[in-house]
Amino acid sequence: MKNSVFLLLLMIMPLNAEAYIYGGSNLGYSGYPSHDCNEPMKPLKPYSFTSQWKIDSYNTEVENYNSQLQDYIACIEEYTDKANNDIKRIQEKAREAIDDRNYW
């Protein structure tokens, strides 16, 4: 009987690739915001370079991509720096709460 109940519960549980963290949180319903950095798209390399114009055009696209990639990397680094600062702020508030509790 126990095996049947266990198998039934296992079958009706949603299978998700996302991890869920159980326990309380002070974050809102939507959780921590995702980054809003724009990932650049790689330029498509032509099948063949039949003219100098195609070569120059492709090289310009590559230069633009490299510039956008640097901007994307800088944006991600700024996002992670801010996220790490948020973590430090949260840890500090948690320490303050513990200190307040231990005061009494």
C-alpha atoms as a PDB file:
ATOM      1  CA  MET A   1       0.000   0.000   0.000  1.00  0.00           C
ATOM      2  CA  LYS A   2       2.790   2.440   0.924  1.00  0.00           C
ATOM      3  CA  ASN A   3       4.567   1.737  -2.360  1.00  0.00           C
ATOM      4  CA  SER A   4       1.395   2.462  -4.320  1.00  0.00           C
ATOM      5  CA  VAL A   5       0.872   5.783  -2.561  1.00  0.00           C
ATOM      6  CA  PHE A   6       4.508   6.724  -3.113  1.00  0.00           C
ATOM      7  CA  LEU A   7       4.328   5.846  -6.813  1.00  0.00           C
ATOM      8  CA  LEU A   8       1.075   7.772  -7.183  1.00  0.00           C
ATOM      9  CA  LEU A   9       2.596  10.858  -5.555  1.00  0.00           C
ATOM     10  CA  LEU A  10       5.683  10.523  -7.715  1.00  0.00           C
ATOM     11  CA  MET A  11       3.568  10.352 -10.866  1.00  0.00           C
ATOM     12  CA  ILE A  12       1.493  13.438 -10.098  1.00  0.00           C
ATOM     13  CA  MET A  13       4.406  15.621  -9.027  1.00  0.00           C
ATOM     14  CA  PRO A  14       5.440  18.082 -11.714  1.00  0.00           C
ATOM     15  CA  LEU A  15       8.879  17.399 -13.074  1.00  0.00           C
ATOM     16  CA  ASN A  16      10.766  20.635 -13.431  1.00  0.00           C
ATOM     17  CA  ALA A  17      14.356  21.395 -14.345  1.00  0.00           C
ATOM     18  CA  GLU A  18      14.284  24.463 -12.123  1.00  0.00           C
ATOM     19  CA  ALA A  19      15.420  24.194  -8.558  1.00  0.00           C
ATOM     20  CA  TYR A  20      13.085  25.425  -5.890  1.00  0.00           C
ATOM     21  CA  ILE A  21      14.347  26.869  -2.672  1.00  0.00           C
ATOM     22  CA  TYR A  22      12.012  26.209   0.207  1.00  0.00           C
ATOM     23  CA  GLY A  23      11.695  28.571   3.092  1.00  0.00           C
ATOM     24  CA  GLY A  24      10.827  32.172   3.624  1.00  0.00           C
ATOM     25  CA  SER A  25      12.121  35.055   1.586  1.00  0.00           C
ATOM     26  CA  ASN A  26      11.986  38.810   1.734  1.00  0.00           C
ATOM     27  CA  LEU A  27      12.068  39.026  -2.073  1.00  0.00           C
ATOM     28  CA  GLY A  28       8.900  39.884  -3.906  1.00  0.00           C
ATOM     29  CA  TYR A  29       6.808  37.425  -5.867  1.00  0.00           C
ATOM     30  CA  SER A  30       8.873  37.848  -9.003  1.00  0.00           C
ATOM     31  CA  GLY A  31      12.137  37.221  -7.170  1.00  0.00           C
ATOM     32  CA  TYR A  32      15.450  38.762  -8.110  1.00  0.00           C
ATOM     33  CA  PRO A  33      15.444  40.513 -11.473  1.00  0.00           C
ATOM     34  CA  SER A  34      17.295  39.032 -14.421  1.00  0.00           C
ATOM     35  CA  HIS A  35      19.851  41.053 -16.311  1.00  0.00           C
ATOM     36  CA  ASP A  36      18.676  43.150 -19.216  1.00  0.00           C
ATOM     37  CA  CYS A  37      21.903  43.075 -21.210  1.00  0.00           C
ATOM     38  CA  ASN A  38      21.558  42.699 -24.976  1.00  0.00           C
ATOM     39  CA  GLU A  39      23.560  39.767 -26.278  1.00  0.00           C
ATOM     40  CA  PRO A  40      25.048  40.546 -29.688  1.00  0.00           C
ATOM     41  CA  MET A  41      24.455  38.283 -32.647  1.00  0.00           C
ATOM     42  CA  LYS A  42      27.480  36.941 -34.481  1.00  0.00           C
ATOM     43  CA  PRO A  43      27.723  38.103 -38.067  1.00  0.00           C
ATOM     44  CA  LEU A  44      27.110  35.467 -40.687  1.00  0.00           C
ATOM     45  CA  LYS A  45      30.213  34.679 -42.658  1.00  0.00           C
ATOM     46  CA  PRO A  46      29.523  34.743 -46.397  1.00  0.00           C
ATOM     47  CA  TYR A  47      29.914  31.520 -48.313  1.00  0.00           C
ATOM     48  CA  SER A  48      32.598  33.194 -50.393  1.00  0.00           C
ATOM     49  CA  PHE A  49      34.247  36.575 -50.620  1.00  0.00           C
ATOM     50  CA  THR A  50      33.817  37.476 -54.263  1.00  0.00           C
ATOM     51  CA  SER A  51      34.542  41.175 -53.975  1.00  0.00           C
ATOM     52  CA  GLN A  52      36.436  43.653 -51.861  1.00  0.00           C
ATOM     53  CA  TRP A  53      33.086  45.161 -50.868  1.00  0.00           C
ATOM     54  CA  LYS A  54      31.994  41.817 -49.320  1.00  0.00           C
ATOM     55  CA  ILE A  55      35.282  41.569 -47.437  1.00  0.00           C
ATOM     56  CA  ASP A  56      35.026  45.130 -46.145  1.00  0.00           C
ATOM     57  CA  SER A  57      31.373  44.697 -45.253  1.00  0.00           C
ATOM     58  CA  TYR A  58      32.072  41.502 -43.304  1.00  0.00           C
ATOM     59  CA  ASN A  59      35.028  43.099 -41.504  1.00  0.00           C
ATOM     60  CA  THR A  60      32.789  46.017 -40.474  1.00  0.00           C
ATOM     61  CA  GLU A  61      30.180  43.592 -39.156  1.00  0.00           C
ATOM     62  CA  VAL A  62      32.876  41.763 -37.160  1.00  0.00           C
ATOM     63  CA  GLU A  63      34.135  45.057 -35.700  1.00  0.00           C
ATOM     64  CA  ASN A  64      30.581  46.022 -34.730  1.00  0.00           C
ATOM     65  CA  TYR A  65      30.049  42.601 -33.160  1.00  0.00           C
ATOM     66  CA  ASN A  66      33.284  42.869 -31.165  1.00  0.00           C
ATOM     67  CA  SER A  67      32.245  46.305 -29.906  1.00  0.00           C
ATOM     68  CA  GLN A  68      28.777  45.056 -28.945  1.00  0.00           C
ATOM     69  CA  LEU A  69      30.338  42.021 -27.275  1.00  0.00           C
ATOM     70  CA  GLN A  70      32.518  44.262 -25.117  1.00  0.00           C
ATOM     71  CA  ASP A  71      29.419  46.276 -24.154  1.00  0.00           C
ATOM     72  CA  TYR A  72      27.591  43.028 -23.316  1.00  0.00           C
ATOM     73  CA  ILE A  73      30.456  41.765 -21.158  1.00  0.00           C
ATOM     74  CA  ALA A  74      30.633  45.116 -19.344  1.00  0.00           C
ATOM     75  CA  CYS A  75      26.862  45.023 -18.763  1.00  0.00           C
ATOM     76  CA  ILE A  76      27.020  41.476 -17.333  1.00  0.00           C
ATOM     77  CA  GLU A  77      29.940  42.448 -15.089  1.00  0.00           C
ATOM     78  CA  GLU A  78      27.998  45.480 -13.826  1.00  0.00           C
ATOM     79  CA  TYR A  79      24.947  43.282 -13.165  1.00  0.00           C
ATOM     80  CA  THR A  80      26.973  40.719 -11.217  1.00  0.00           C
ATOM     81  CA  ASP A  81      28.789  43.453  -9.265  1.00  0.00           C
ATOM     82  CA  LYS A  82      25.431  44.933  -8.258  1.00  0.00           C
ATOM     83  CA  ALA A  83      24.083  41.474  -7.404  1.00  0.00           C
ATOM     84  CA  ASN A  84      27.100  40.820  -5.175  1.00  0.00           C
ATOM     85  CA  ASN A  85      26.520  44.188  -3.484  1.00  0.00           C
ATOM     86  CA  ASP A  86      22.893  43.189  -2.900  1.00  0.00           C
ATOM     87  CA  ILE A  87      24.071  39.929  -1.338  1.00  0.00           C
ATOM     88  CA  LYS A  88      26.351  41.874   1.011  1.00  0.00           C
ATOM     89  CA  ARG A  89      23.488  44.217   1.948  1.00  0.00           C
ATOM     90  CA  ILE A  90      21.194  41.266   2.629  1.00  0.00           C
ATOM     91  CA  GLN A  91      23.845  39.544   4.753  1.00  0.00           C
ATOM     92  CA  GLU A  92      24.388  42.765   6.704  1.00  0.00           C
ATOM     93  CA  LYS A  93      20.649  43.120   7.385  1.00  0.00           C
ATOM     94  CA  ALA A  94      20.525  39.492   8.487  1.00  0.00           C
ATOM     95  CA  ARG A  95      23.451  40.115  10.883  1.00  0.00           C
ATOM     96  CA  GLU A  96      21.670  43.212  12.223  1.00  0.00           C
ATOM     97  CA  ALA A  97      18.521  41.144  12.818  1.00  0.00           C
ATOM     98  CA  ILE A  98      20.554  38.502  14.672  1.00  0.00           C
ATOM     99  CA  ASP A  99      22.225  41.212  16.766  1.00  0.00           C
ATOM    100  CA  ASP A 100      18.802  42.678  17.590  1.00  0.00           C
ATOM    101  CA  ARG A 101      17.496  39.262  18.597  1.00  0.00           C
ATOM    102  CA  ASN A 102      20.557  38.565  20.745  1.00  0.00           C
ATOM    103  CA  TYR A 103      20.239  41.951  22.450  1.00  0.00           C
ATOM    104  CA  TRP A 104      17.096  40.845  24.250  1.00  0.00           C
END
